[in-house]
Amino acid sequence: MTDNAPFWETKSIDEMNPEEWESLCDGCAKCCLIKLEDVDTGEIAFTEVVCRLLELGTCACSDYPKRTTRVPDCLQVTPELARTANWLPSTCAYRLLAEGKELSWWHPLVSGSRETVHTAGISVRDKVIHESQRVDPEDHIVTWPE
């Protein structure tokens, strides 16, 4: 690696500062999908229903600083969670780096654009139903997040 290598190639996820860590989020919003866990098997099912705080057009949280207070089920991704969470999609930068893999070409840190995650079809944009529509997530299980 050269001295000009980006931080995500030279630092472990535990060595990153908060700004670097936050910048790893690709903006796909797959972590904002309502997920259902089978109590018997522990298997996770993704739904096409998203958190009430998600802005559908931008795939950004409308109240990111207070999200865990306003939505108690919202989890902040940490290095430990990145290594262990079975619900993080295989495309997630946190998970990829925790597994020793590289970021994808469409990741904003690689492409230089926040739009490539959407143009590559990785994000939830145009694929989801807002939780505010009061639908039953069990009726909206999908396989496309993976």
Protein backbone atom coordinates (compact mmCIF):
# COMPACT_ATOMS: atom_id res chain seq x y z
CA MET A 1 0.00 0.00 0.00
CA THR A 2 1.12 3.49 -0.74
CA ASP A 3 1.11 6.47 1.55
CA ASN A 4 -1.83 7.78 -0.49
CA ALA A 5 -4.01 4.76 0.24
CA PRO A 6 -7.44 5.65 1.62
CA PHE A 7 -8.07 5.25 5.35
CA TRP A 8 -10.36 2.23 4.92
CA GLU A 9 -7.46 0.35 3.32
CA THR A 10 -4.88 1.30 5.95
CA LYS A 11 -6.84 1.23 9.20
CA SER A 12 -8.76 -1.52 10.90
CA ILE A 13 -12.37 -0.73 11.72
CA ASP A 14 -11.33 -0.43 15.36
CA GLU A 15 -8.71 2.24 14.50
CA MET A 16 -11.07 4.57 12.63
CA ASN A 17 -12.13 7.85 14.17
CA PRO A 18 -15.86 8.67 14.39
CA GLU A 19 -15.87 10.73 11.18
CA GLU A 20 -14.15 7.98 9.21
CA TRP A 21 -16.50 5.37 10.66
CA GLU A 22 -19.61 7.38 9.78
CA SER A 23 -18.33 8.00 6.24
CA LEU A 24 -18.35 4.24 5.62
CA CYS A 25 -22.14 4.29 5.44
CA ASP A 26 -22.99 3.99 1.75
CA GLY A 27 -26.50 5.37 2.16
CA CYS A 28 -28.28 2.24 0.93
CA ALA A 29 -30.72 2.31 3.90
CA LYS A 30 -30.99 -1.48 3.96
CA CYS A 31 -30.35 -1.31 7.68
CA CYS A 32 -33.56 0.75 7.92
CA LEU A 33 -35.67 -2.11 6.58
CA ILE A 34 -37.98 -3.65 9.15
CA LYS A 35 -36.61 -7.11 9.86
CA LEU A 36 -38.43 -10.05 11.41
CA GLU A 37 -36.70 -12.76 13.43
CA ASP A 38 -38.02 -16.29 13.69
CA VAL A 39 -38.08 -16.96 17.44
CA ASP A 40 -37.42 -20.68 16.93
CA THR A 41 -34.59 -20.57 14.40
CA GLY A 42 -33.19 -17.05 14.80
CA GLU A 43 -33.45 -16.63 11.03
CA ILE A 44 -33.87 -13.04 9.85
CA ALA A 45 -36.42 -12.09 7.20
CA PHE A 46 -36.13 -8.72 5.49
CA THR A 47 -39.26 -6.80 4.57
CA GLU A 48 -39.82 -4.00 2.09
CA VAL A 49 -41.14 -1.85 4.93
CA VAL A 50 -38.83 0.89 6.18
CA CYS A 51 -38.52 2.87 9.38
CA ARG A 52 -40.79 5.87 9.78
CA LEU A 53 -37.77 8.19 9.96
CA LEU A 54 -36.40 7.25 6.54
CA GLU A 55 -36.69 9.85 3.80
CA LEU A 56 -37.61 7.72 0.79
CA GLY A 57 -36.11 9.96 -1.89
CA THR A 58 -32.70 10.37 -0.30
CA CYS A 59 -32.50 7.13 1.75
CA ALA A 60 -31.36 9.28 4.68
CA CYS A 61 -32.67 9.37 8.22
CA SER A 62 -34.81 12.42 8.89
CA ASP A 63 -33.53 12.63 12.48
CA TYR A 64 -30.20 10.82 12.51
CA PRO A 65 -28.85 12.39 15.75
CA LYS A 66 -31.94 11.35 17.73
CA ARG A 67 -32.85 8.17 15.83
CA THR A 68 -32.08 5.72 18.63
CA THR A 69 -34.20 7.75 21.05
CA ARG A 70 -37.12 8.14 18.66
CA VAL A 71 -36.89 4.54 17.40
CA PRO A 72 -35.71 2.35 20.29
CA ASP A 73 -35.13 -0.63 17.96
CA CYS A 74 -32.67 1.38 15.87
CA LEU A 75 -29.16 0.08 16.41
CA GLN A 76 -26.00 2.08 15.93
CA VAL A 77 -23.54 0.05 13.89
CA THR A 78 -20.31 -0.42 15.81
CA PRO A 79 -17.20 -2.40 14.89
CA GLU A 80 -18.42 -5.25 17.13
CA LEU A 81 -21.85 -5.22 15.49
CA ALA A 82 -20.22 -5.14 12.05
CA ARG A 83 -18.41 -8.36 12.93
CA THR A 84 -21.44 -10.17 14.36
CA ALA A 85 -24.76 -8.83 13.00
CA ASN A 86 -26.38 -11.36 10.70
CA TRP A 87 -28.82 -8.71 9.49
CA LEU A 88 -26.27 -6.41 7.89
CA PRO A 89 -26.51 -7.00 4.13
CA SER A 90 -23.55 -8.52 2.30
CA THR A 91 -23.10 -5.19 0.46
CA CYS A 92 -22.70 -3.17 3.67
CA ALA A 93 -19.32 -1.43 3.91
CA TYR A 94 -19.15 -2.02 7.65
CA ARG A 95 -19.63 -5.75 7.13
CA LEU A 96 -17.32 -5.91 4.10
CA LEU A 97 -14.44 -4.27 5.96
CA ALA A 98 -15.07 -6.39 9.07
CA GLU A 99 -14.75 -9.45 6.80
CA GLY A 100 -11.50 -8.14 5.27
CA LYS A 101 -13.11 -7.36 1.90
CA GLU A 102 -12.89 -4.28 -0.31
CA LEU A 103 -15.49 -1.60 -0.87
CA SER A 104 -17.52 -1.89 -4.06
CA TRP A 105 -17.08 0.47 -7.03
CA TRP A 106 -20.41 2.15 -6.31
CA HIS A 107 -19.56 3.04 -2.71
CA PRO A 108 -19.47 6.86 -2.36
CA LEU A 109 -15.94 6.80 -0.92
CA VAL A 110 -14.74 4.94 -4.02
CA SER A 111 -16.92 6.58 -6.69
CA GLY A 112 -16.86 10.09 -5.24
CA SER A 113 -20.65 10.38 -5.55
CA ARG A 114 -23.52 9.72 -3.12
CA GLU A 115 -25.66 8.77 -6.15
CA THR A 116 -23.82 5.66 -7.34
CA VAL A 117 -25.33 3.49 -4.60
CA HIS A 118 -28.72 4.37 -6.09
CA THR A 119 -27.81 4.12 -9.78
CA ALA A 120 -26.23 0.71 -9.13
CA GLY A 121 -29.55 -0.45 -7.65
CA ILE A 122 -28.04 -1.21 -4.25
CA SER A 123 -30.17 1.17 -2.17
CA VAL A 124 -33.79 0.81 -1.11
CA ARG A 125 -34.82 3.81 -3.24
CA ASP A 126 -38.04 3.04 -5.18
CA LYS A 127 -38.29 -0.43 -3.60
CA VAL A 128 -39.93 0.15 -0.23
CA ILE A 129 -43.11 0.94 1.66
CA HIS A 130 -42.98 3.46 4.49
CA GLU A 131 -43.84 2.18 7.97
CA SER A 132 -46.23 5.13 8.33
CA GLN A 133 -48.56 3.38 5.88
CA ARG A 134 -49.42 1.01 8.74
CA VAL A 135 -48.90 -2.22 6.83
CA ASP A 136 -48.16 -5.58 8.42
CA PRO A 137 -44.46 -6.29 7.77
CA GLU A 138 -45.20 -10.04 7.72
CA ASP A 139 -47.13 -9.45 4.49
CA HIS A 140 -44.11 -7.76 2.88
CA ILE A 141 -41.17 -10.18 3.26
CA VAL A 142 -38.64 -9.88 0.43
CA THR A 143 -35.36 -11.50 -0.62
CA TRP A 144 -33.83 -8.63 -2.61
CA PRO A 145 -31.71 -7.07 0.16
CA GLU A 146 -29.17 -9.80 -0.41
